[in-house]
């Protein structure tokens, strides 16, 4: 079953059940393609969500908007095409994760929205039922983190629901 939200982005509900049983926890896992977000996903899948409780894992990825300097040299058609490729790339990553969750009997929803995850995630959580956020401790490179600020740190300070930060792999692990 696929469900699309026009103005807000793409939403895909995927799962193992055709009925609508009582829903357990709704856990949002922030995905950005980094090793840290993959570890957060695996942690949420293996240790947080419980299929028997009908928990739902919301896989959330913020597609990066195009750099305005790059946009200046493109026609609207070209920029729309490149932006759509970015969103499709995010969607493909989430489909792989959704398949992994499905194999464990975990129902998922995939959400790809365009913009900054520090703004998009709290906005999404405010408008949708989410009980817990699970994020990786390191997504961006050190330089970008210094410039933009850590997404996980921001979410800990600004999320309306509890945030679980999954630590990056330590040396020797």
C-alpha atoms as a PDB file:
ATOM      1  CA  UNK A   1       0.000   0.000   0.000  1.00  0.00           C
ATOM      2  CA  UNK A   2       1.463   3.374  -0.972  1.00  0.00           C
ATOM      3  CA  UNK A   3       0.290   6.689   0.385  1.00  0.00           C
ATOM      4  CA  UNK A   4       1.537  10.023  -0.911  1.00  0.00           C
ATOM      5  CA  UNK A   5       1.371  13.395   0.790  1.00  0.00           C
ATOM      6  CA  UNK A   6       1.409  15.963  -1.981  1.00  0.00           C
ATOM      7  CA  UNK A   7       2.817  19.138  -0.441  1.00  0.00           C
ATOM      8  CA  UNK A   8       4.949  17.569   2.259  1.00  0.00           C
ATOM      9  CA  UNK A   9       6.845  14.845   0.408  1.00  0.00           C
ATOM     10  CA  UNK A  10       6.606  11.127  -0.108  1.00  0.00           C
ATOM     11  CA  UNK A  11       5.170   8.730   2.426  1.00  0.00           C
ATOM     12  CA  UNK A  12       5.140   4.989   1.860  1.00  0.00           C
ATOM     13  CA  UNK A  13       3.503   2.569   4.277  1.00  0.00           C
ATOM     14  CA  UNK A  14       4.885  -0.923   3.993  1.00  0.00           C
ATOM     15  CA  UNK A  15       4.235  -3.878   6.263  1.00  0.00           C
ATOM     16  CA  UNK A  16       3.298  -7.466   6.797  1.00  0.00           C
ATOM     17  CA  UNK A  17      -0.339  -7.114   7.858  1.00  0.00           C
ATOM     18  CA  UNK A  18      -3.424  -6.238   5.849  1.00  0.00           C
ATOM     19  CA  UNK A  19      -5.532  -5.661   8.975  1.00  0.00           C
ATOM     20  CA  UNK A  20      -5.197  -2.638  11.241  1.00  0.00           C
ATOM     21  CA  UNK A  21      -4.457  -4.076  14.705  1.00  0.00           C
ATOM     22  CA  UNK A  22      -3.891  -1.996  17.826  1.00  0.00           C
ATOM     23  CA  UNK A  23      -0.737   0.091  17.368  1.00  0.00           C
ATOM     24  CA  UNK A  24       2.153  -0.078  19.820  1.00  0.00           C
ATOM     25  CA  UNK A  25       5.032   2.400  19.857  1.00  0.00           C
ATOM     26  CA  UNK A  26       5.717   4.631  16.873  1.00  0.00           C
ATOM     27  CA  UNK A  27       9.487   5.035  16.669  1.00  0.00           C
ATOM     28  CA  UNK A  28      10.974   7.545  14.222  1.00  0.00           C
ATOM     29  CA  UNK A  29      14.494   6.729  13.054  1.00  0.00           C
ATOM     30  CA  UNK A  30      16.367   9.583  11.356  1.00  0.00           C
ATOM     31  CA  UNK A  31      18.327   8.346   8.321  1.00  0.00           C
ATOM     32  CA  UNK A  32      21.002  10.362   6.501  1.00  0.00           C
ATOM     33  CA  UNK A  33      23.069   7.719   4.736  1.00  0.00           C
ATOM     34  CA  UNK A  34      25.856   7.850   7.336  1.00  0.00           C
ATOM     35  CA  UNK A  35      27.238   4.901   9.280  1.00  0.00           C
ATOM     36  CA  UNK A  36      25.781   6.477  12.432  1.00  0.00           C
ATOM     37  CA  UNK A  37      22.249   6.490  11.033  1.00  0.00           C
ATOM     38  CA  UNK A  38      22.592   2.875   9.871  1.00  0.00           C
ATOM     39  CA  UNK A  39      23.671   1.908  13.412  1.00  0.00           C
ATOM     40  CA  UNK A  40      20.663   3.820  14.805  1.00  0.00           C
ATOM     41  CA  UNK A  41      18.346   1.965  12.401  1.00  0.00           C
ATOM     42  CA  UNK A  42      19.774  -1.439  13.347  1.00  0.00           C
ATOM     43  CA  UNK A  43      19.558  -0.584  17.059  1.00  0.00           C
ATOM     44  CA  UNK A  44      15.924   0.497  16.707  1.00  0.00           C
ATOM     45  CA  UNK A  45      15.083  -2.584  14.640  1.00  0.00           C
ATOM     46  CA  UNK A  46      16.841  -5.102  16.879  1.00  0.00           C
ATOM     47  CA  UNK A  47      16.375  -3.593  20.349  1.00  0.00           C
ATOM     48  CA  UNK A  48      13.575  -1.021  20.416  1.00  0.00           C
ATOM     49  CA  UNK A  49      10.624  -2.008  18.225  1.00  0.00           C
ATOM     50  CA  UNK A  50       8.665  -5.157  19.076  1.00  0.00           C
ATOM     51  CA  UNK A  51       6.688  -6.725  16.201  1.00  0.00           C
ATOM     52  CA  UNK A  52       4.331  -8.551  18.604  1.00  0.00           C
ATOM     53  CA  UNK A  53       3.351  -5.200  20.141  1.00  0.00           C
ATOM     54  CA  UNK A  54       2.572  -3.851  16.626  1.00  0.00           C
ATOM     55  CA  UNK A  55       5.242  -1.169  16.922  1.00  0.00           C
ATOM     56  CA  UNK A  56       5.831   0.930  13.808  1.00  0.00           C
ATOM     57  CA  UNK A  57       9.258   2.105  12.666  1.00  0.00           C
ATOM     58  CA  UNK A  58       9.066   5.425  10.803  1.00  0.00           C
ATOM     59  CA  UNK A  59      12.117   5.762   8.532  1.00  0.00           C
ATOM     60  CA  UNK A  60      12.660   9.488   8.036  1.00  0.00           C
ATOM     61  CA  UNK A  61      15.144  11.051   5.647  1.00  0.00           C
ATOM     62  CA  UNK A  62      15.593  14.711   4.789  1.00  0.00           C
ATOM     63  CA  UNK A  63      16.620  15.126   1.145  1.00  0.00           C
ATOM     64  CA  UNK A  64      19.193  17.868   0.735  1.00  0.00           C
ATOM     65  CA  UNK A  65      17.999  20.929  -1.166  1.00  0.00           C
ATOM     66  CA  UNK A  66      20.215  21.910  -4.084  1.00  0.00           C
ATOM     67  CA  UNK A  67      22.928  24.490  -3.511  1.00  0.00           C
ATOM     68  CA  UNK A  68      21.616  27.899  -4.737  1.00  0.00           C
ATOM     69  CA  UNK A  69      24.878  28.513  -6.658  1.00  0.00           C
ATOM     70  CA  UNK A  70      24.339  25.310  -8.633  1.00  0.00           C
ATOM     71  CA  UNK A  71      20.684  26.203  -9.213  1.00  0.00           C
ATOM     72  CA  UNK A  72      21.657  29.553 -10.750  1.00  0.00           C
ATOM     73  CA  UNK A  73      23.292  27.754 -13.706  1.00  0.00           C
ATOM     74  CA  UNK A  74      20.337  25.388 -14.315  1.00  0.00           C
ATOM     75  CA  UNK A  75      16.988  25.707 -15.966  1.00  0.00           C
ATOM     76  CA  UNK A  76      13.955  24.994 -13.753  1.00  0.00           C
ATOM     77  CA  UNK A  77      13.502  21.642 -15.548  1.00  0.00           C
ATOM     78  CA  UNK A  78      17.108  20.633 -14.851  1.00  0.00           C
ATOM     79  CA  UNK A  79      16.975  21.640 -11.189  1.00  0.00           C
ATOM     80  CA  UNK A  80      13.633  19.851 -10.665  1.00  0.00           C
ATOM     81  CA  UNK A  81      15.100  16.713 -12.247  1.00  0.00           C
ATOM     82  CA  UNK A  82      18.251  16.779 -10.079  1.00  0.00           C
ATOM     83  CA  UNK A  83      16.166  17.401  -6.954  1.00  0.00           C
ATOM     84  CA  UNK A  84      13.865  14.505  -7.835  1.00  0.00           C
ATOM     85  CA  UNK A  85      16.925  12.247  -8.233  1.00  0.00           C
ATOM     86  CA  UNK A  86      18.050  13.222  -4.716  1.00  0.00           C
ATOM     87  CA  UNK A  87      14.619  12.347  -3.316  1.00  0.00           C
ATOM     88  CA  UNK A  88      14.526   9.037  -5.237  1.00  0.00           C
ATOM     89  CA  UNK A  89      18.000   8.177  -3.922  1.00  0.00           C
ATOM     90  CA  UNK A  90      16.762   8.723  -0.342  1.00  0.00           C
ATOM     91  CA  UNK A  91      13.684   6.626  -1.083  1.00  0.00           C
ATOM     92  CA  UNK A  92      15.797   3.739  -2.419  1.00  0.00           C
ATOM     93  CA  UNK A  93      17.857   3.662   0.786  1.00  0.00           C
ATOM     94  CA  UNK A  94      14.697   3.619   2.888  1.00  0.00           C
ATOM     95  CA  UNK A  95      13.223   0.771   0.780  1.00  0.00           C
ATOM     96  CA  UNK A  96      16.245  -1.425   1.601  1.00  0.00           C
ATOM     97  CA  UNK A  97      15.795  -0.680   5.316  1.00  0.00           C
ATOM     98  CA  UNK A  98      12.039  -1.229   5.070  1.00  0.00           C
ATOM     99  CA  UNK A  99      12.683  -4.658   3.514  1.00  0.00           C
ATOM    100  CA  UNK A 100      15.031  -5.531   6.402  1.00  0.00           C
ATOM    101  CA  UNK A 101      12.356  -4.500   8.907  1.00  0.00           C
ATOM    102  CA  UNK A 102       9.669  -6.394   6.991  1.00  0.00           C
ATOM    103  CA  UNK A 103      11.801  -9.562   7.188  1.00  0.00           C
ATOM    104  CA  UNK A 104      11.641  -9.229  10.992  1.00  0.00           C
ATOM    105  CA  UNK A 105       7.880  -8.634  10.952  1.00  0.00           C
ATOM    106  CA  UNK A 106       8.210  -4.914  11.750  1.00  0.00           C
ATOM    107  CA  UNK A 107       5.771  -2.528  10.044  1.00  0.00           C
ATOM    108  CA  UNK A 108       7.434   0.588   8.582  1.00  0.00           C
ATOM    109  CA  UNK A 109       6.511   3.952   7.140  1.00  0.00           C
ATOM    110  CA  UNK A 110       9.017   5.787   4.965  1.00  0.00           C
ATOM    111  CA  UNK A 111       9.062   9.580   4.831  1.00  0.00           C
ATOM    112  CA  UNK A 112      11.292  11.680   2.564  1.00  0.00           C
ATOM    113  CA  UNK A 113      10.984  15.454   2.910  1.00  0.00           C
ATOM    114  CA  UNK A 114      13.091  18.216   1.391  1.00  0.00           C
ATOM    115  CA  UNK A 115      15.110  20.421   3.748  1.00  0.00           C
ATOM    116  CA  UNK A 116      17.061  20.584   7.004  1.00  0.00           C
ATOM    117  CA  UNK A 117      16.397  17.615   9.333  1.00  0.00           C
ATOM    118  CA  UNK A 118      16.718  19.901  12.394  1.00  0.00           C
ATOM    119  CA  UNK A 119      13.597  21.743  11.213  1.00  0.00           C
ATOM    120  CA  UNK A 120      11.756  18.910   9.486  1.00  0.00           C
ATOM    121  CA  UNK A 121      11.916  16.263  12.233  1.00  0.00           C
ATOM    122  CA  UNK A 122      10.436  18.380  15.079  1.00  0.00           C
ATOM    123  CA  UNK A 123       7.754  19.667  12.651  1.00  0.00           C
ATOM    124  CA  UNK A 124       6.901  16.111  11.574  1.00  0.00           C
ATOM    125  CA  UNK A 125       6.793  14.873  15.187  1.00  0.00           C
ATOM    126  CA  UNK A 126       4.492  17.758  16.168  1.00  0.00           C
ATOM    127  CA  UNK A 127       1.996  16.785  13.432  1.00  0.00           C
ATOM    128  CA  UNK A 128       2.187  12.959  13.562  1.00  0.00           C
ATOM    129  CA  UNK A 129       1.994  10.401  16.365  1.00  0.00           C
ATOM    130  CA  UNK A 130       5.602   9.577  17.327  1.00  0.00           C
ATOM    131  CA  UNK A 131       6.601   8.179  20.741  1.00  0.00           C
ATOM    132  CA  UNK A 132      10.396   8.127  20.401  1.00  0.00           C
ATOM    133  CA  UNK A 133      13.141   9.449  18.092  1.00  0.00           C
ATOM    134  CA  UNK A 134      16.199   7.268  17.429  1.00  0.00           C
ATOM    135  CA  UNK A 135      19.209   9.012  15.876  1.00  0.00           C
ATOM    136  CA  UNK A 136      22.882   8.267  15.310  1.00  0.00           C
ATOM    137  CA  UNK A 137      25.411  10.297  17.258  1.00  0.00           C
ATOM    138  CA  UNK A 138      27.481  11.205  14.188  1.00  0.00           C
ATOM    139  CA  UNK A 139      26.163  11.884  10.736  1.00  0.00           C
ATOM    140  CA  UNK A 140      27.989  14.846   9.307  1.00  0.00           C
ATOM    141  CA  UNK A 141      31.732  15.302   8.981  1.00  0.00           C
ATOM    142  CA  UNK A 142      33.432  17.200  11.823  1.00  0.00           C
ATOM    143  CA  UNK A 143      33.747  20.360   9.705  1.00  0.00           C
ATOM    144  CA  UNK A 144      30.075  20.376   8.707  1.00  0.00           C
ATOM    145  CA  UNK A 145      29.032  19.561  12.293  1.00  0.00           C
ATOM    146  CA  UNK A 146      30.968  22.600  13.574  1.00  0.00           C
ATOM    147  CA  UNK A 147      29.308  24.744  10.923  1.00  0.00           C
ATOM    148  CA  UNK A 148      25.749  23.359  11.066  1.00  0.00           C
ATOM    149  CA  UNK A 149      25.655  21.944  14.582  1.00  0.00           C
ATOM    150  CA  UNK A 150      24.970  18.317  15.331  1.00  0.00           C
ATOM    151  CA  UNK A 151      21.502  17.217  14.252  1.00  0.00           C
ATOM    152  CA  UNK A 152      21.297  14.761  17.160  1.00  0.00           C
ATOM    153  CA  UNK A 153      22.264  17.450  19.700  1.00  0.00           C
ATOM    154  CA  UNK A 154      19.710  19.819  18.223  1.00  0.00           C
ATOM    155  CA  UNK A 155      16.982  17.180  18.379  1.00  0.00           C
ATOM    156  CA  UNK A 156      17.792  16.337  22.005  1.00  0.00           C
ATOM    157  CA  UNK A 157      17.212  20.016  22.830  1.00  0.00           C
ATOM    158  CA  UNK A 158      14.182  20.637  20.578  1.00  0.00           C
ATOM    159  CA  UNK A 159      12.225  17.404  20.155  1.00  0.00           C
ATOM    160  CA  UNK A 160       8.755  17.267  21.716  1.00  0.00           C
ATOM    161  CA  UNK A 161       9.304  13.511  22.367  1.00  0.00           C
ATOM    162  CA  UNK A 162      12.204  11.580  23.966  1.00  0.00           C
ATOM    163  CA  UNK A 163      15.335  11.131  21.825  1.00  0.00           C
ATOM    164  CA  UNK A 164      17.578   8.063  21.945  1.00  0.00           C
ATOM    165  CA  UNK A 165      21.064   8.786  20.566  1.00  0.00           C
ATOM    166  CA  UNK A 166      22.883   5.656  19.369  1.00  0.00           C
ATOM    167  CA  UNK A 167      26.601   6.097  19.902  1.00  0.00           C
ATOM    168  CA  UNK A 168      28.986   5.706  16.987  1.00  0.00           C
ATOM    169  CA  UNK A 169      31.164   2.610  16.932  1.00  0.00           C
ATOM    170  CA  UNK A 170      34.063   2.946  19.390  1.00  0.00           C
ATOM    171  CA  UNK A 171      37.618   1.893  18.565  1.00  0.00           C
ATOM    172  CA  UNK A 172      38.086  -1.805  19.196  1.00  0.00           C
ATOM    173  CA  UNK A 173      34.374  -2.656  18.809  1.00  0.00           C
END
